[in-house]
């Protein structure tokens, strides 16, 4: 028995994490005292870290991936005012990449679907070729920038099948994208009805009699139109594949919104893309003996879409478009512009010829990543616009025949994967993704001719990610007897 004079036992040391949090709080107090704005931002970040500290890494990764996809659609509208190219989604992608690396360094694992090996290899080879082409680029800085944006797009596309490769997560992602579309629609309606535009819109501050178009988060009407034509098949396929009246109603409402907003963009290429979407859906279902009844539904959808769009672009019908919008949809005016050598039609025609000449002059190797605009801008007969306004042309002029070949192989892999699932998939979710994916990719063949460039256009990479998700889910369904677990 210890006497009264025996030494007292030492008090236990506080846990290390409490010491760390205490030090962080003290540092924040000092920073806030001298730099209040920085202190507030850091405090918010520390609070966010504390809130997420106990969430399991896989679950946290899926959440961050969802934030990445949602914010990517916002693009330049969610950028830092002082740095317009620093989009919120790009910051989140970098944080996600660092988080994955830290998780794996700490002994964690990352489940990589084997079905992604081939497409990821093609994308990696394309990225490596783009990086190598900087060696012969006239302006290496432009090459580094182009290659960096390509890398960010590839990461965005691969994040989707890795993070959302289960039935529940895939459905959650589709609901999230539906919510994002609703926000895009509301902003577009705000422009058209209230004439209030986001500061990033190229039409901000212009008179409403000339600036008739909607731009939403995308800065210009051509980018919005391409987003709509990529999204439209995912709504129409809901009506075709599923029998639930609520799902069909959501698909019909979304499809109608896509078509109506598309009319207020004046994008001829994406009207053609919409026609290709409808034709693809009709041919696919009409030639599948198992889905002849679905073909009747598809025919009804196509007839309704044509009845809405065609009269409107001709200046009649239920939707009365401004005269300026009707003229932008005129293909005869486009033909006259090409023949007369004036207007946007002539500019695009000249860009096509100049771009192909650059490919020929470089022996098919290309001018180097990101340098197409540089060479076009330095031409003696400068067409007035340096952006090629043609994604296929941009890929081949920058990366040559090798770059184009790698991209085409990746695109065909996606296309074949979607088309196969429209025929063989037993699981309705996989069949839905395949049908929507093949129609979306078909439309994008011409839809990508609308924007000045789609390299940093997130909806394209998200669509590629959804197509990769189709392939991953199809593999899991086959391993489970045809149905997803």
Protein backbone atom coordinates (compact mmCIF):
# COMPACT_ATOMS: atom_id res chain seq x y z
CA UNK A 1 0.00 0.00 0.00
CA UNK A 2 1.45 3.29 -1.03
CA UNK A 3 2.09 5.87 1.61
CA UNK A 4 1.07 9.45 1.49
CA UNK A 5 4.58 10.48 0.51
CA UNK A 6 4.74 8.32 -2.64
CA UNK A 7 5.07 10.23 -5.95
CA UNK A 8 1.85 11.05 -7.84
CA UNK A 9 1.26 9.19 -11.17
CA UNK A 10 1.83 11.37 -14.27
CA UNK A 11 -1.30 12.65 -16.00
CA UNK A 12 -1.97 10.98 -19.39
CA UNK A 13 -0.89 13.01 -22.44
CA UNK A 14 -3.68 14.36 -24.64
CA UNK A 15 -4.34 12.42 -27.86
CA UNK A 16 -2.21 13.58 -30.82
CA UNK A 17 -5.23 14.57 -32.91
CA UNK A 18 -6.40 16.96 -30.16
CA UNK A 19 -2.97 18.58 -30.12
CA UNK A 20 -3.13 18.96 -33.92
CA UNK A 21 -6.59 20.52 -33.83
CA UNK A 22 -5.51 22.85 -31.02
CA UNK A 23 -2.47 23.99 -32.99
CA UNK A 24 -4.64 24.54 -36.06
CA UNK A 25 -7.11 26.62 -34.05
CA UNK A 26 -4.29 28.76 -32.64
CA UNK A 27 -2.80 29.28 -36.10
CA UNK A 28 -6.20 30.24 -37.49
CA UNK A 29 -6.68 32.78 -34.71
CA UNK A 30 -3.35 34.43 -35.52
CA UNK A 31 -4.00 34.45 -39.30
CA UNK A 32 -7.51 35.85 -38.84
CA UNK A 33 -6.19 38.63 -36.62
CA UNK A 34 -3.81 39.87 -39.32
CA UNK A 35 -5.56 38.69 -42.54
CA UNK A 36 -9.31 38.33 -41.84
CA UNK A 37 -10.38 37.14 -45.35
CA UNK A 38 -7.69 34.46 -45.49
CA UNK A 39 -8.52 33.39 -41.96
CA UNK A 40 -12.20 32.99 -42.77
CA UNK A 41 -11.44 30.90 -45.87
CA UNK A 42 -9.02 28.69 -43.96
CA UNK A 43 -11.52 28.31 -41.13
CA UNK A 44 -14.15 27.12 -43.59
CA UNK A 45 -11.69 24.63 -45.09
CA UNK A 46 -10.69 23.34 -41.65
CA UNK A 47 -14.35 23.03 -40.71
CA UNK A 48 -15.02 21.08 -43.90
CA UNK A 49 -12.11 18.73 -43.17
CA UNK A 50 -13.36 18.22 -39.62
CA UNK A 51 -16.87 17.45 -40.86
CA UNK A 52 -15.59 14.91 -43.37
CA UNK A 53 -12.90 13.41 -41.13
CA UNK A 54 -14.83 10.33 -40.03
CA UNK A 55 -16.53 9.54 -43.35
CA UNK A 56 -15.11 6.33 -44.89
CA UNK A 57 -12.75 7.07 -47.78
CA UNK A 58 -14.75 5.20 -50.49
CA UNK A 59 -17.97 6.96 -49.58
CA UNK A 60 -16.20 10.31 -49.42
CA UNK A 61 -14.61 9.67 -52.82
CA UNK A 62 -18.00 9.03 -54.42
CA UNK A 63 -19.34 12.25 -52.92
CA UNK A 64 -16.41 14.29 -54.20
CA UNK A 65 -16.80 12.64 -57.62
CA UNK A 66 -20.44 13.73 -57.66
CA UNK A 67 -19.45 17.30 -56.80
CA UNK A 68 -16.87 17.17 -59.59
CA UNK A 69 -19.43 16.10 -62.20
CA UNK A 70 -22.05 18.62 -61.05
CA UNK A 71 -19.69 21.59 -60.94
CA UNK A 72 -18.07 20.64 -64.25
CA UNK A 73 -21.28 21.54 -66.08
CA UNK A 74 -21.08 25.03 -64.58
CA UNK A 75 -17.71 25.53 -66.25
CA UNK A 76 -16.64 29.18 -66.56
CA UNK A 77 -19.63 30.39 -64.55
CA UNK A 78 -18.10 28.72 -61.48
CA UNK A 79 -14.59 30.12 -61.95
CA UNK A 80 -12.55 32.48 -59.80
CA UNK A 81 -13.12 36.10 -60.96
CA UNK A 82 -9.39 36.81 -60.76
CA UNK A 83 -8.55 33.61 -62.70
CA UNK A 84 -11.31 32.81 -65.24
CA UNK A 85 -9.70 29.51 -66.27
CA UNK A 86 -9.59 28.17 -62.70
CA UNK A 87 -12.98 26.45 -62.69
CA UNK A 88 -14.35 25.05 -59.44
CA UNK A 89 -14.59 21.61 -61.05
CA UNK A 90 -10.89 21.71 -61.95
CA UNK A 91 -9.99 22.50 -58.35
CA UNK A 92 -12.17 19.62 -57.16
CA UNK A 93 -10.62 17.22 -59.71
CA UNK A 94 -7.14 18.06 -58.45
CA UNK A 95 -8.25 17.62 -54.83
CA UNK A 96 -9.86 14.30 -55.75
CA UNK A 97 -6.66 13.11 -57.42
CA UNK A 98 -4.57 14.06 -54.38
CA UNK A 99 -7.12 12.38 -52.12
CA UNK A 100 -6.91 9.13 -54.08
CA UNK A 101 -3.11 9.20 -53.98
CA UNK A 102 -3.12 9.88 -50.23
CA UNK A 103 -5.63 7.08 -49.67
CA UNK A 104 -3.48 4.60 -51.57
CA UNK A 105 -0.28 5.82 -49.87
CA UNK A 106 -1.93 5.10 -46.52
CA UNK A 107 -2.55 1.50 -47.54
CA UNK A 108 -5.99 1.92 -49.08
CA UNK A 109 -7.06 0.31 -52.33
CA UNK A 110 -8.77 1.53 -55.47
CA UNK A 111 -11.02 -0.86 -57.36
CA UNK A 112 -10.22 -0.57 -61.06
CA UNK A 113 -12.76 -2.24 -63.38
CA UNK A 114 -11.00 -4.47 -65.90
CA UNK A 115 -13.43 -3.30 -68.57
CA UNK A 116 -11.73 0.10 -68.49
CA UNK A 117 -8.27 -1.21 -69.36
CA UNK A 118 -8.53 -0.80 -73.14
CA UNK A 119 -10.26 2.61 -73.25
CA UNK A 120 -7.97 3.95 -70.52
CA UNK A 121 -4.97 2.74 -72.52
CA UNK A 122 -6.24 4.53 -75.63
CA UNK A 123 -6.82 7.73 -73.67
CA UNK A 124 -3.42 7.44 -72.03
CA UNK A 125 -1.74 6.95 -75.40
CA UNK A 126 -3.57 9.98 -76.81
CA UNK A 127 -2.45 12.07 -73.82
CA UNK A 128 1.14 10.83 -74.15
CA UNK A 129 1.17 11.67 -77.87
CA UNK A 130 -0.19 15.16 -77.15
CA UNK A 131 2.55 15.69 -74.56
CA UNK A 132 5.22 14.44 -76.99
CA UNK A 133 3.95 16.76 -79.73
CA UNK A 134 4.88 19.77 -77.61
CA UNK A 135 8.46 19.06 -78.72
CA UNK A 136 7.72 20.35 -82.25
CA UNK A 137 5.05 22.90 -81.34
CA UNK A 138 5.77 26.51 -82.30
CA UNK A 139 4.44 27.71 -78.94
CA UNK A 140 5.17 25.09 -76.24
CA UNK A 141 3.15 27.02 -73.64
CA UNK A 142 0.00 26.59 -75.74
CA UNK A 143 0.84 22.90 -76.07
CA UNK A 144 1.19 22.46 -72.31
CA UNK A 145 -2.14 24.21 -71.76
CA UNK A 146 -3.94 22.04 -74.35
CA UNK A 147 -2.42 18.85 -72.94
CA UNK A 148 -3.36 19.83 -69.39
CA UNK A 149 -6.99 20.39 -70.40
CA UNK A 150 -6.98 17.05 -72.20
CA UNK A 151 -5.70 15.37 -69.02
CA UNK A 152 -8.44 16.99 -66.91
CA UNK A 153 -11.10 15.83 -69.37
CA UNK A 154 -9.77 12.28 -69.35
CA UNK A 155 -9.77 12.20 -65.55
CA UNK A 156 -13.38 13.44 -65.52
CA UNK A 157 -14.43 10.72 -67.96
CA UNK A 158 -12.70 7.95 -65.98
CA UNK A 159 -13.96 9.13 -62.60
CA UNK A 160 -17.56 8.33 -63.57
CA UNK A 161 -17.25 4.55 -64.19
CA UNK A 162 -14.84 4.11 -61.28
CA UNK A 163 -16.95 5.99 -58.71
CA UNK A 164 -20.46 5.08 -59.90
CA UNK A 165 -20.04 1.48 -61.04
CA UNK A 166 -22.99 0.00 -59.12
CA UNK A 167 -26.72 0.12 -59.78
CA UNK A 168 -27.47 2.40 -56.83
CA UNK A 169 -24.62 4.78 -57.55
CA UNK A 170 -25.37 4.92 -61.28
CA UNK A 171 -29.00 5.81 -60.58
CA UNK A 172 -27.82 8.41 -58.08
CA UNK A 173 -25.54 9.94 -60.72
CA UNK A 174 -28.37 10.10 -63.25
CA UNK A 175 -30.59 11.85 -60.70
CA UNK A 176 -27.78 14.30 -59.96
CA UNK A 177 -27.35 15.07 -63.66
CA UNK A 178 -31.11 15.53 -63.92
CA UNK A 179 -31.00 18.08 -61.10
CA UNK A 180 -28.12 19.88 -62.83
CA UNK A 181 -30.16 19.99 -66.04
CA UNK A 182 -33.05 21.53 -64.12
CA UNK A 183 -30.75 24.32 -62.91
CA UNK A 184 -29.42 24.86 -66.45
CA UNK A 185 -33.01 25.12 -67.67
CA UNK A 186 -33.96 27.63 -64.96
CA UNK A 187 -31.01 29.86 -65.83
CA UNK A 188 -31.93 29.66 -69.51
CA UNK A 189 -35.53 30.62 -68.76
CA UNK A 190 -34.24 33.51 -66.65
CA UNK A 191 -32.43 34.75 -69.75
CA UNK A 192 -35.34 34.29 -72.14
CA UNK A 193 -38.16 35.56 -69.91
CA UNK A 194 -36.53 38.06 -67.55
CA UNK A 195 -33.59 39.01 -69.82
CA UNK A 196 -31.19 38.52 -66.93
CA UNK A 197 -27.89 36.88 -67.86
CA UNK A 198 -24.91 35.59 -65.97
CA UNK A 199 -21.80 37.80 -66.19
CA UNK A 200 -20.01 35.03 -68.13
CA UNK A 201 -22.54 35.10 -70.99
CA UNK A 202 -21.21 36.60 -74.22
CA UNK A 203 -24.65 38.17 -74.68
CA UNK A 204 -24.64 39.95 -71.31
CA UNK A 205 -25.46 43.64 -71.73
CA UNK A 206 -26.60 43.31 -75.35
CA UNK A 207 -29.99 44.48 -76.60
CA UNK A 208 -32.71 41.84 -76.41
CA UNK A 209 -33.81 42.40 -80.02
CA UNK A 210 -30.44 41.12 -81.28
CA UNK A 211 -29.42 38.85 -78.41
CA UNK A 212 -32.34 36.42 -78.56
CA UNK A 213 -30.47 33.25 -77.56
CA UNK A 214 -30.07 31.40 -74.28
CA UNK A 215 -26.55 30.64 -73.04
CA UNK A 216 -27.10 29.46 -69.43
CA UNK A 217 -23.82 28.47 -67.71
CA UNK A 218 -21.97 27.88 -70.97
CA UNK A 219 -21.10 31.42 -72.01
CA UNK A 220 -22.46 31.13 -75.55
CA UNK A 221 -25.41 29.57 -77.33
CA UNK A 222 -23.46 27.01 -79.37
CA UNK A 223 -22.05 25.37 -76.24
CA UNK A 224 -25.52 25.25 -74.66
CA UNK A 225 -26.92 23.69 -77.85
CA UNK A 226 -24.26 20.97 -77.82
CA UNK A 227 -25.03 20.22 -74.17
CA UNK A 228 -28.72 19.92 -75.03
CA UNK A 229 -28.17 17.56 -77.97
CA UNK A 230 -25.92 15.36 -75.82
CA UNK A 231 -28.50 15.30 -73.01
CA UNK A 232 -31.64 14.83 -75.12
CA UNK A 233 -31.16 11.06 -75.74
CA UNK A 234 -30.91 10.37 -72.01
CA UNK A 235 -34.38 11.85 -71.55
CA UNK A 236 -35.97 10.26 -74.61
CA UNK A 237 -34.60 6.84 -73.67
CA UNK A 238 -36.44 7.08 -70.33
CA UNK A 239 -39.72 7.24 -72.25
CA UNK A 240 -38.72 4.34 -74.51
CA UNK A 241 -37.12 1.84 -72.13
CA UNK A 242 -39.04 2.12 -68.87
CA UNK A 243 -42.72 1.54 -68.16
CA UNK A 244 -42.99 3.51 -64.90
CA UNK A 245 -45.27 6.47 -65.59
CA UNK A 246 -43.22 8.76 -63.33
CA UNK A 247 -40.00 7.93 -65.16
CA UNK A 248 -41.68 8.43 -68.52
CA UNK A 249 -43.12 11.77 -67.40
CA UNK A 250 -39.68 12.94 -66.28
CA UNK A 251 -38.21 11.86 -69.61
CA UNK A 252 -40.93 13.61 -71.61
CA UNK A 253 -40.55 16.83 -69.62
CA UNK A 254 -36.78 16.81 -69.97
CA UNK A 255 -36.94 16.04 -73.68
CA UNK A 256 -39.44 18.84 -74.27
CA UNK A 257 -37.24 21.29 -72.36
CA UNK A 258 -34.21 20.24 -74.43
CA UNK A 259 -36.01 20.79 -77.72
CA UNK A 260 -37.52 24.13 -76.74
CA UNK A 261 -34.23 25.52 -75.46
CA UNK A 262 -32.43 24.21 -78.53
CA UNK A 263 -34.68 26.37 -80.69
CA UNK A 264 -33.45 29.43 -78.78
CA UNK A 265 -29.80 28.76 -79.61
CA UNK A 266 -29.91 29.02 -83.39
CA UNK A 267 -27.45 26.13 -83.72
CA UNK A 268 -27.82 24.42 -87.09
CA UNK A 269 -25.28 21.71 -86.29
CA UNK A 270 -27.19 20.66 -83.20
CA UNK A 271 -30.53 20.62 -85.00
CA UNK A 272 -28.85 18.13 -87.33
CA UNK A 273 -27.53 16.31 -84.26
CA UNK A 274 -31.07 16.08 -82.91
CA UNK A 275 -32.26 14.61 -86.21
CA UNK A 276 -29.48 12.01 -86.01
CA UNK A 277 -30.50 11.19 -82.44
CA UNK A 278 -34.09 10.51 -83.49
CA UNK A 279 -33.05 8.49 -86.55
CA UNK A 280 -30.65 6.40 -84.45
CA UNK A 281 -33.33 5.60 -81.90
CA UNK A 282 -35.82 4.64 -84.63
CA UNK A 283 -33.41 2.43 -86.58
CA UNK A 284 -32.11 0.73 -83.47
CA UNK A 285 -35.50 -0.26 -82.15
CA UNK A 286 -37.13 -0.98 -85.52
CA UNK A 287 -34.41 -3.50 -86.38
CA UNK A 288 -34.57 -5.30 -83.03
CA UNK A 289 -37.24 -8.02 -83.10
CA UNK A 290 -37.44 -8.03 -79.30
CA UNK A 291 -38.37 -4.34 -79.15
CA UNK A 292 -40.78 -3.78 -82.03
CA UNK A 293 -43.39 -2.48 -79.58
CA UNK A 294 -40.84 0.00 -78.25
CA UNK A 295 -40.30 1.14 -81.84
CA UNK A 296 -43.90 2.39 -81.92
CA UNK A 297 -43.25 4.48 -78.82
CA UNK A 298 -40.07 5.81 -80.40
CA UNK A 299 -41.92 6.69 -83.59
CA UNK A 300 -44.44 8.65 -81.54
CA UNK A 301 -41.64 10.51 -79.77
CA UNK A 302 -39.94 11.30 -83.09
CA UNK A 303 -43.15 12.57 -84.68
CA UNK A 304 -43.82 14.83 -81.70
CA UNK A 305 -40.27 16.20 -81.82
CA UNK A 306 -40.43 16.88 -85.55
CA UNK A 307 -43.84 18.53 -85.19
CA UNK A 308 -42.40 20.87 -82.57
CA UNK A 309 -39.04 21.70 -84.16
CA UNK A 310 -39.51 21.84 -87.94
CA UNK A 311 -42.36 24.40 -88.08
CA UNK A 312 -40.56 26.55 -85.50
CA UNK A 313 -37.30 26.80 -87.46
CA UNK A 314 -39.35 27.70 -90.54
CA UNK A 315 -40.96 30.59 -88.67
CA UNK A 316 -44.31 28.98 -87.90
CA UNK A 317 -45.73 26.41 -85.50
CA UNK A 318 -46.45 26.50 -81.79
CA UNK A 319 -43.20 28.26 -80.84
CA UNK A 320 -42.81 31.66 -82.49
CA UNK A 321 -39.10 32.31 -82.81
CA UNK A 322 -37.63 35.77 -83.48
CA UNK A 323 -36.77 36.45 -87.12
CA UNK A 324 -33.07 36.47 -86.25
CA UNK A 325 -33.38 32.95 -84.83
CA UNK A 326 -35.20 31.69 -87.92
CA UNK A 327 -32.49 33.12 -90.18
CA UNK A 328 -29.75 31.39 -88.16
CA UNK A 329 -31.44 28.05 -88.84
CA UNK A 330 -31.52 28.68 -92.60
CA UNK A 331 -29.25 26.31 -94.51
CA UNK A 332 -29.81 28.25 -97.74
CA UNK A 333 -28.24 31.32 -96.14
CA UNK A 334 -25.31 29.15 -95.05
CA UNK A 335 -24.86 27.93 -98.63
CA UNK A 336 -24.98 31.49 -99.96
CA UNK A 337 -22.34 32.56 -97.45
CA UNK A 338 -19.99 29.79 -98.55
CA UNK A 339 -20.45 30.66 -102.24
CA UNK A 340 -20.08 34.41 -101.72
CA UNK A 341 -17.11 34.08 -99.37
CA UNK A 342 -18.79 36.15 -96.66
CA UNK A 343 -20.34 35.46 -93.27
CA UNK A 344 -19.88 32.64 -90.77
CA UNK A 345 -20.40 29.98 -93.42
CA UNK A 346 -17.43 31.27 -95.41
CA UNK A 347 -15.30 31.50 -92.27
CA UNK A 348 -15.98 27.88 -91.34
CA UNK A 349 -15.30 26.75 -94.90
CA UNK A 350 -11.96 28.61 -94.91
CA UNK A 351 -11.04 27.16 -91.52
CA UNK A 352 -11.66 23.65 -92.83
CA UNK A 353 -9.44 24.21 -95.85
CA UNK A 354 -6.70 25.92 -93.83
CA UNK A 355 -6.73 23.18 -91.20
CA UNK A 356 -6.42 20.37 -93.73
CA UNK A 357 -3.58 22.26 -95.44
CA UNK A 358 -1.71 22.41 -92.13
CA UNK A 359 -2.05 18.64 -91.73
CA UNK A 360 -0.70 18.16 -95.25
CA UNK A 361 2.18 20.60 -94.73
CA UNK A 362 3.30 18.78 -91.57
CA UNK A 363 3.30 15.41 -93.29
CA UNK A 364 0.36 14.23 -91.21
CA UNK A 365 2.16 14.65 -87.89
CA UNK A 366 0.22 17.77 -86.89
CA UNK A 367 1.37 21.18 -85.67
CA UNK A 368 1.64 20.07 -82.05
CA UNK A 369 -0.84 20.16 -79.19
CA UNK A 370 -2.65 23.47 -78.84
CA UNK A 371 -0.90 25.11 -81.79
CA UNK A 372 -3.65 24.93 -84.40
CA UNK A 373 -4.96 28.36 -83.34
CA UNK A 374 -1.40 29.74 -83.43
CA UNK A 375 -0.84 28.67 -87.03
CA UNK A 376 -4.30 29.74 -88.22
CA UNK A 377 -3.79 33.17 -86.64
CA UNK A 378 -0.49 33.66 -88.46
CA UNK A 379 -1.79 32.84 -91.95
CA UNK A 380 -1.41 35.50 -94.63
CA UNK A 381 -5.10 35.05 -95.50
CA UNK A 382 -6.29 34.97 -91.90
CA UNK A 383 -9.99 33.95 -91.97
CA UNK A 384 -10.80 36.25 -89.04
CA UNK A 385 -11.23 33.47 -86.47
CA UNK A 386 -8.43 31.26 -85.16
CA UNK A 387 -10.55 28.63 -83.36
CA UNK A 388 -11.26 25.78 -85.78
CA UNK A 389 -14.92 25.33 -84.72
CA UNK A 390 -14.64 21.64 -85.60
CA UNK A 391 -13.57 19.10 -82.97
CA UNK A 392 -12.54 16.48 -85.51
CA UNK A 393 -10.41 19.04 -87.30
CA UNK A 394 -8.91 20.32 -84.05
CA UNK A 395 -7.83 16.82 -83.06
CA UNK A 396 -6.13 16.08 -86.38
CA UNK A 397 -4.49 19.50 -86.86
CA UNK A 398 -3.01 19.47 -83.36
CA UNK A 399 -2.16 15.79 -83.04
CA UNK A 400 -1.91 14.71 -86.65
CA UNK A 401 -3.11 11.38 -87.96
CA UNK A 402 -1.79 9.57 -84.87
CA UNK A 403 -3.82 11.75 -82.52
CA UNK A 404 -6.91 11.43 -84.69
CA UNK A 405 -6.46 7.66 -84.94
CA UNK A 406 -6.26 7.24 -81.17
CA UNK A 407 -9.34 9.40 -80.62
CA UNK A 408 -11.31 7.58 -83.33
CA UNK A 409 -10.38 4.20 -81.81
CA UNK A 410 -11.61 5.40 -78.41
CA UNK A 411 -14.81 6.80 -79.94
CA UNK A 412 -15.50 3.56 -81.84
CA UNK A 413 -14.88 1.53 -78.67
CA UNK A 414 -17.54 3.58 -76.91
CA UNK A 415 -19.93 3.36 -79.85
CA UNK A 416 -19.61 -0.40 -80.24
CA UNK A 417 -20.03 -0.88 -76.49
CA UNK A 418 -23.26 1.14 -76.43
CA UNK A 419 -24.67 -0.47 -79.57
CA UNK A 420 -24.01 -3.98 -78.26
CA UNK A 421 -25.92 -3.31 -75.05
CA UNK A 422 -28.99 -2.10 -76.93
CA UNK A 423 -29.16 -5.62 -78.39
CA UNK A 424 -28.02 -8.01 -75.68
CA UNK A 425 -28.53 -6.31 -72.31
CA UNK A 426 -31.13 -7.95 -70.09
CA UNK A 427 -30.91 -5.35 -67.34
CA UNK A 428 -33.13 -2.32 -68.13
CA UNK A 429 -30.62 0.16 -66.68
CA UNK A 430 -27.80 -1.14 -68.87
CA UNK A 431 -30.06 -1.20 -71.94
CA UNK A 432 -31.18 2.36 -71.19
CA UNK A 433 -27.61 3.63 -70.87
CA UNK A 434 -26.60 1.83 -74.07
CA UNK A 435 -29.53 3.21 -76.08
CA UNK A 436 -29.05 6.76 -74.83
CA UNK A 437 -25.29 6.52 -75.27
CA UNK A 438 -25.34 5.32 -78.87
CA UNK A 439 -27.83 8.05 -79.84
CA UNK A 440 -25.84 10.73 -78.02
CA UNK A 441 -22.57 9.71 -79.69
CA UNK A 442 -24.23 9.63 -83.12
CA UNK A 443 -25.55 13.15 -82.70
CA UNK A 444 -22.21 14.36 -81.40
CA UNK A 445 -20.53 13.46 -84.69
CA UNK A 446 -22.02 16.70 -86.08
CA UNK A 447 -22.94 18.37 -82.80
CA UNK A 448 -19.26 18.92 -82.05
CA UNK A 449 -19.05 21.24 -85.08
CA UNK A 450 -20.98 23.96 -83.21
CA UNK A 451 -18.66 25.19 -80.42
CA UNK A 452 -15.35 26.90 -81.13
CA UNK A 453 -13.68 24.04 -79.22
CA UNK A 454 -14.89 21.19 -77.02
CA UNK A 455 -11.53 20.28 -75.51
CA UNK A 456 -12.54 21.82 -72.17
CA UNK A 457 -16.27 21.20 -72.70
CA UNK A 458 -17.26 19.11 -69.68
CA UNK A 459 -20.56 17.69 -71.08
CA UNK A 460 -18.57 15.85 -73.77
CA UNK A 461 -16.32 14.19 -71.19
CA UNK A 462 -19.31 13.43 -68.95
CA UNK A 463 -21.03 11.71 -71.90
CA UNK A 464 -17.87 9.70 -72.54
CA UNK A 465 -17.87 8.79 -68.84
CA UNK A 466 -21.49 7.62 -69.01
CA UNK A 467 -20.64 5.47 -72.02
CA UNK A 468 -17.73 3.92 -70.10
CA UNK A 469 -20.14 3.36 -67.20
CA UNK A 470 -22.36 1.38 -69.59
CA UNK A 471 -19.45 -0.93 -70.40
CA UNK A 472 -18.55 -1.43 -66.72
CA UNK A 473 -22.14 -2.12 -65.65
CA UNK A 474 -22.65 -4.51 -68.57
CA UNK A 475 -19.63 -6.53 -67.45
CA UNK A 476 -21.00 -6.75 -63.91
CA UNK A 477 -24.44 -7.72 -65.18
CA UNK A 478 -23.03 -10.57 -67.29
CA UNK A 479 -21.14 -11.87 -64.28
CA UNK A 480 -24.41 -11.87 -62.32
CA UNK A 481 -26.56 -13.78 -64.80
CA UNK A 482 -27.60 -10.79 -66.89
CA UNK A 483 -28.90 -8.53 -64.13
CA UNK A 484 -27.08 -6.01 -61.98
CA UNK A 485 -26.91 -6.94 -58.30
